[in-house]
């Protein structure tokens, strides 16, 4: 009897969790700029309302795309580590194109707690351009 009650309780818990849908899942895309320059190297990290990070590389045209993000209030970080300082795992060293395209941005942007970048996402597909400025 005790085992069957535990089984029923677990089944109800699973059904309740499945029925709770949570925040809507969304896709966000856009372009990253720093002042008048298009960022051509780095990555963006979005922390959805569920706290799960989603990452996208920034392509050579400055574009990024995040998929399956929990909508609602989102925190954003932008990371751009000098490619010369990233272990390439390749004897040839860093990609010369990445080295050419990289430029310094404030490390404050790399942390969602200091970046100051947020977004409220409600639409399934959202375009959001990220415009960075010099930080002290």
C-alpha atoms as a PDB file:
ATOM      1  CA  UNK A   1       0.000   0.000   0.000  1.00  0.00           C
ATOM      2  CA  UNK A   2       2.791   2.428   0.940  1.00  0.00           C
ATOM      3  CA  UNK A   3       4.648   1.761  -2.348  1.00  0.00           C
ATOM      4  CA  UNK A   4       1.515   2.383  -4.425  1.00  0.00           C
ATOM      5  CA  UNK A   5       0.903   5.717  -2.655  1.00  0.00           C
ATOM      6  CA  UNK A   6       4.477   6.761  -3.370  1.00  0.00           C
ATOM      7  CA  UNK A   7       4.016   5.735  -7.004  1.00  0.00           C
ATOM      8  CA  UNK A   8       0.798   7.753  -7.296  1.00  0.00           C
ATOM      9  CA  UNK A   9       2.462  10.764  -5.663  1.00  0.00           C
ATOM     10  CA  UNK A  10       5.398  10.575  -8.084  1.00  0.00           C
ATOM     11  CA  UNK A  11       3.039  10.261 -11.059  1.00  0.00           C
ATOM     12  CA  UNK A  12       1.074  13.320  -9.915  1.00  0.00           C
ATOM     13  CA  UNK A  13       4.301  15.267  -9.459  1.00  0.00           C
ATOM     14  CA  UNK A  14       5.495  14.397 -12.981  1.00  0.00           C
ATOM     15  CA  UNK A  15       2.121  15.294 -14.512  1.00  0.00           C
ATOM     16  CA  UNK A  16       2.086  18.589 -12.613  1.00  0.00           C
ATOM     17  CA  UNK A  17       5.584  19.502 -13.802  1.00  0.00           C
ATOM     18  CA  UNK A  18       4.777  18.594 -17.410  1.00  0.00           C
ATOM     19  CA  UNK A  19       1.628  20.703 -17.303  1.00  0.00           C
ATOM     20  CA  UNK A  20       3.475  23.738 -15.937  1.00  0.00           C
ATOM     21  CA  UNK A  21       4.977  24.732 -19.283  1.00  0.00           C
ATOM     22  CA  UNK A  22       7.171  27.431 -17.710  1.00  0.00           C
ATOM     23  CA  UNK A  23       8.277  30.547 -19.571  1.00  0.00           C
ATOM     24  CA  UNK A  24       7.871  30.630 -23.361  1.00  0.00           C
ATOM     25  CA  UNK A  25      10.840  29.436 -25.418  1.00  0.00           C
ATOM     26  CA  UNK A  26      12.128  32.121 -27.779  1.00  0.00           C
ATOM     27  CA  UNK A  27      14.783  32.824 -30.414  1.00  0.00           C
ATOM     28  CA  UNK A  28      16.798  36.063 -30.394  1.00  0.00           C
ATOM     29  CA  UNK A  29      19.101  37.329 -33.114  1.00  0.00           C
ATOM     30  CA  UNK A  30      20.849  40.573 -33.871  1.00  0.00           C
ATOM     31  CA  UNK A  31      24.105  42.378 -34.448  1.00  0.00           C
ATOM     32  CA  UNK A  32      26.781  43.431 -31.946  1.00  0.00           C
ATOM     33  CA  UNK A  33      28.526  46.789 -32.265  1.00  0.00           C
ATOM     34  CA  UNK A  34      31.039  48.649 -30.143  1.00  0.00           C
ATOM     35  CA  UNK A  35      30.733  52.360 -30.817  1.00  0.00           C
ATOM     36  CA  UNK A  36      30.762  52.644 -34.617  1.00  0.00           C
ATOM     37  CA  UNK A  37      32.598  49.314 -35.076  1.00  0.00           C
ATOM     38  CA  UNK A  38      30.970  45.997 -35.872  1.00  0.00           C
ATOM     39  CA  UNK A  39      32.227  43.246 -33.573  1.00  0.00           C
ATOM     40  CA  UNK A  40      33.548  40.399 -35.695  1.00  0.00           C
ATOM     41  CA  UNK A  41      34.902  38.108 -33.002  1.00  0.00           C
ATOM     42  CA  UNK A  42      33.636  36.933 -29.625  1.00  0.00           C
ATOM     43  CA  UNK A  43      30.439  35.517 -28.207  1.00  0.00           C
ATOM     44  CA  UNK A  44      27.222  36.580 -26.546  1.00  0.00           C
ATOM     45  CA  UNK A  45      25.720  34.786 -23.562  1.00  0.00           C
ATOM     46  CA  UNK A  46      22.049  35.145 -22.674  1.00  0.00           C
ATOM     47  CA  UNK A  47      20.761  34.012 -19.280  1.00  0.00           C
ATOM     48  CA  UNK A  48      17.061  33.363 -19.693  1.00  0.00           C
ATOM     49  CA  UNK A  49      14.474  33.659 -16.949  1.00  0.00           C
ATOM     50  CA  UNK A  50      15.211  30.020 -16.047  1.00  0.00           C
ATOM     51  CA  UNK A  51      18.867  30.917 -15.327  1.00  0.00           C
ATOM     52  CA  UNK A  52      20.188  28.630 -18.071  1.00  0.00           C
ATOM     53  CA  UNK A  53      22.919  30.244 -20.211  1.00  0.00           C
ATOM     54  CA  UNK A  54      22.663  30.127 -24.018  1.00  0.00           C
ATOM     55  CA  UNK A  55      25.731  31.075 -26.059  1.00  0.00           C
ATOM     56  CA  UNK A  56      26.303  32.164 -29.652  1.00  0.00           C
ATOM     57  CA  UNK A  57      29.497  33.066 -31.448  1.00  0.00           C
ATOM     58  CA  UNK A  58      29.600  36.470 -33.112  1.00  0.00           C
ATOM     59  CA  UNK A  59      30.217  35.952 -36.841  1.00  0.00           C
ATOM     60  CA  UNK A  60      32.394  38.049 -39.177  1.00  0.00           C
ATOM     61  CA  UNK A  61      29.411  40.314 -39.929  1.00  0.00           C
ATOM     62  CA  UNK A  62      28.688  40.943 -36.223  1.00  0.00           C
ATOM     63  CA  UNK A  63      25.632  38.669 -36.111  1.00  0.00           C
ATOM     64  CA  UNK A  64      24.597  36.269 -33.370  1.00  0.00           C
ATOM     65  CA  UNK A  65      21.637  33.941 -32.866  1.00  0.00           C
ATOM     66  CA  UNK A  66      20.331  32.404 -29.643  1.00  0.00           C
ATOM     67  CA  UNK A  67      17.726  29.644 -29.871  1.00  0.00           C
ATOM     68  CA  UNK A  68      15.440  27.982 -27.338  1.00  0.00           C
ATOM     69  CA  UNK A  69      15.914  30.675 -24.703  1.00  0.00           C
ATOM     70  CA  UNK A  70      13.520  30.979 -21.763  1.00  0.00           C
ATOM     71  CA  UNK A  71      11.655  34.231 -22.387  1.00  0.00           C
ATOM     72  CA  UNK A  72      10.926  36.982 -19.908  1.00  0.00           C
ATOM     73  CA  UNK A  73      13.674  38.971 -18.192  1.00  0.00           C
ATOM     74  CA  UNK A  74      17.032  38.117 -19.800  1.00  0.00           C
ATOM     75  CA  UNK A  75      20.558  39.116 -18.747  1.00  0.00           C
ATOM     76  CA  UNK A  76      23.243  39.436 -21.419  1.00  0.00           C
ATOM     77  CA  UNK A  77      27.046  39.247 -21.455  1.00  0.00           C
ATOM     78  CA  UNK A  78      29.413  39.845 -24.371  1.00  0.00           C
ATOM     79  CA  UNK A  79      32.828  38.193 -24.277  1.00  0.00           C
ATOM     80  CA  UNK A  80      35.749  38.958 -26.541  1.00  0.00           C
ATOM     81  CA  UNK A  81      39.011  37.413 -25.408  1.00  0.00           C
ATOM     82  CA  UNK A  82      42.105  38.207 -27.469  1.00  0.00           C
ATOM     83  CA  UNK A  83      42.434  35.204 -29.815  1.00  0.00           C
ATOM     84  CA  UNK A  84      46.205  35.277 -29.288  1.00  0.00           C
ATOM     85  CA  UNK A  85      45.555  34.357 -25.639  1.00  0.00           C
ATOM     86  CA  UNK A  86      43.155  31.469 -26.330  1.00  0.00           C
ATOM     87  CA  UNK A  87      44.730  28.013 -26.578  1.00  0.00           C
ATOM     88  CA  UNK A  88      43.932  26.921 -30.113  1.00  0.00           C
ATOM     89  CA  UNK A  89      44.724  23.228 -29.707  1.00  0.00           C
ATOM     90  CA  UNK A  90      46.381  23.673 -33.078  1.00  0.00           C
ATOM     91  CA  UNK A  91      50.101  23.970 -33.739  1.00  0.00           C
ATOM     92  CA  UNK A  92      49.425  26.756 -36.246  1.00  0.00           C
ATOM     93  CA  UNK A  93      48.128  29.063 -33.523  1.00  0.00           C
ATOM     94  CA  UNK A  94      45.075  31.319 -33.600  1.00  0.00           C
ATOM     95  CA  UNK A  95      43.047  31.964 -36.726  1.00  0.00           C
ATOM     96  CA  UNK A  96      44.699  34.978 -38.462  1.00  0.00           C
ATOM     97  CA  UNK A  97      41.269  36.340 -39.423  1.00  0.00           C
ATOM     98  CA  UNK A  98      40.170  36.335 -35.770  1.00  0.00           C
ATOM     99  CA  UNK A  99      43.393  38.100 -34.742  1.00  0.00           C
ATOM    100  CA  UNK A 100      42.836  40.753 -37.437  1.00  0.00           C
ATOM    101  CA  UNK A 101      39.174  41.309 -36.477  1.00  0.00           C
ATOM    102  CA  UNK A 102      39.596  41.358 -32.691  1.00  0.00           C
ATOM    103  CA  UNK A 103      39.644  44.559 -30.661  1.00  0.00           C
ATOM    104  CA  UNK A 104      39.519  45.232 -26.937  1.00  0.00           C
ATOM    105  CA  UNK A 105      36.203  45.730 -25.128  1.00  0.00           C
ATOM    106  CA  UNK A 106      35.778  46.296 -21.411  1.00  0.00           C
ATOM    107  CA  UNK A 107      35.853  43.066 -19.366  1.00  0.00           C
ATOM    108  CA  UNK A 108      32.788  44.423 -17.533  1.00  0.00           C
ATOM    109  CA  UNK A 109      30.712  43.248 -20.517  1.00  0.00           C
ATOM    110  CA  UNK A 110      31.801  39.636 -19.951  1.00  0.00           C
ATOM    111  CA  UNK A 111      29.755  39.288 -16.743  1.00  0.00           C
ATOM    112  CA  UNK A 112      25.952  39.575 -16.656  1.00  0.00           C
ATOM    113  CA  UNK A 113      26.221  41.234 -13.244  1.00  0.00           C
ATOM    114  CA  UNK A 114      28.389  44.107 -14.555  1.00  0.00           C
ATOM    115  CA  UNK A 115      27.453  44.338 -18.230  1.00  0.00           C
ATOM    116  CA  UNK A 116      24.291  46.362 -17.679  1.00  0.00           C
ATOM    117  CA  UNK A 117      22.748  44.513 -20.641  1.00  0.00           C
ATOM    118  CA  UNK A 118      19.204  43.215 -20.190  1.00  0.00           C
ATOM    119  CA  UNK A 119      16.193  42.492 -22.345  1.00  0.00           C
ATOM    120  CA  UNK A 120      12.564  41.561 -21.776  1.00  0.00           C
ATOM    121  CA  UNK A 121      11.616  38.957 -24.367  1.00  0.00           C
ATOM    122  CA  UNK A 122       7.995  38.077 -25.037  1.00  0.00           C
ATOM    123  CA  UNK A 123       7.825  37.350 -28.786  1.00  0.00           C
ATOM    124  CA  UNK A 124       8.814  33.935 -30.169  1.00  0.00           C
ATOM    125  CA  UNK A 125      11.302  35.492 -32.616  1.00  0.00           C
ATOM    126  CA  UNK A 126      12.966  38.687 -31.449  1.00  0.00           C
ATOM    127  CA  UNK A 127      15.584  40.902 -33.050  1.00  0.00           C
ATOM    128  CA  UNK A 128      17.866  42.653 -30.569  1.00  0.00           C
ATOM    129  CA  UNK A 129      20.956  44.583 -31.615  1.00  0.00           C
ATOM    130  CA  UNK A 130      23.528  44.928 -28.853  1.00  0.00           C
ATOM    131  CA  UNK A 131      25.260  48.309 -28.867  1.00  0.00           C
ATOM    132  CA  UNK A 132      28.275  48.514 -26.571  1.00  0.00           C
ATOM    133  CA  UNK A 133      30.030  51.682 -25.484  1.00  0.00           C
ATOM    134  CA  UNK A 134      33.333  52.306 -23.712  1.00  0.00           C
ATOM    135  CA  UNK A 135      33.136  51.442 -19.989  1.00  0.00           C
ATOM    136  CA  UNK A 136      35.534  52.613 -17.322  1.00  0.00           C
END
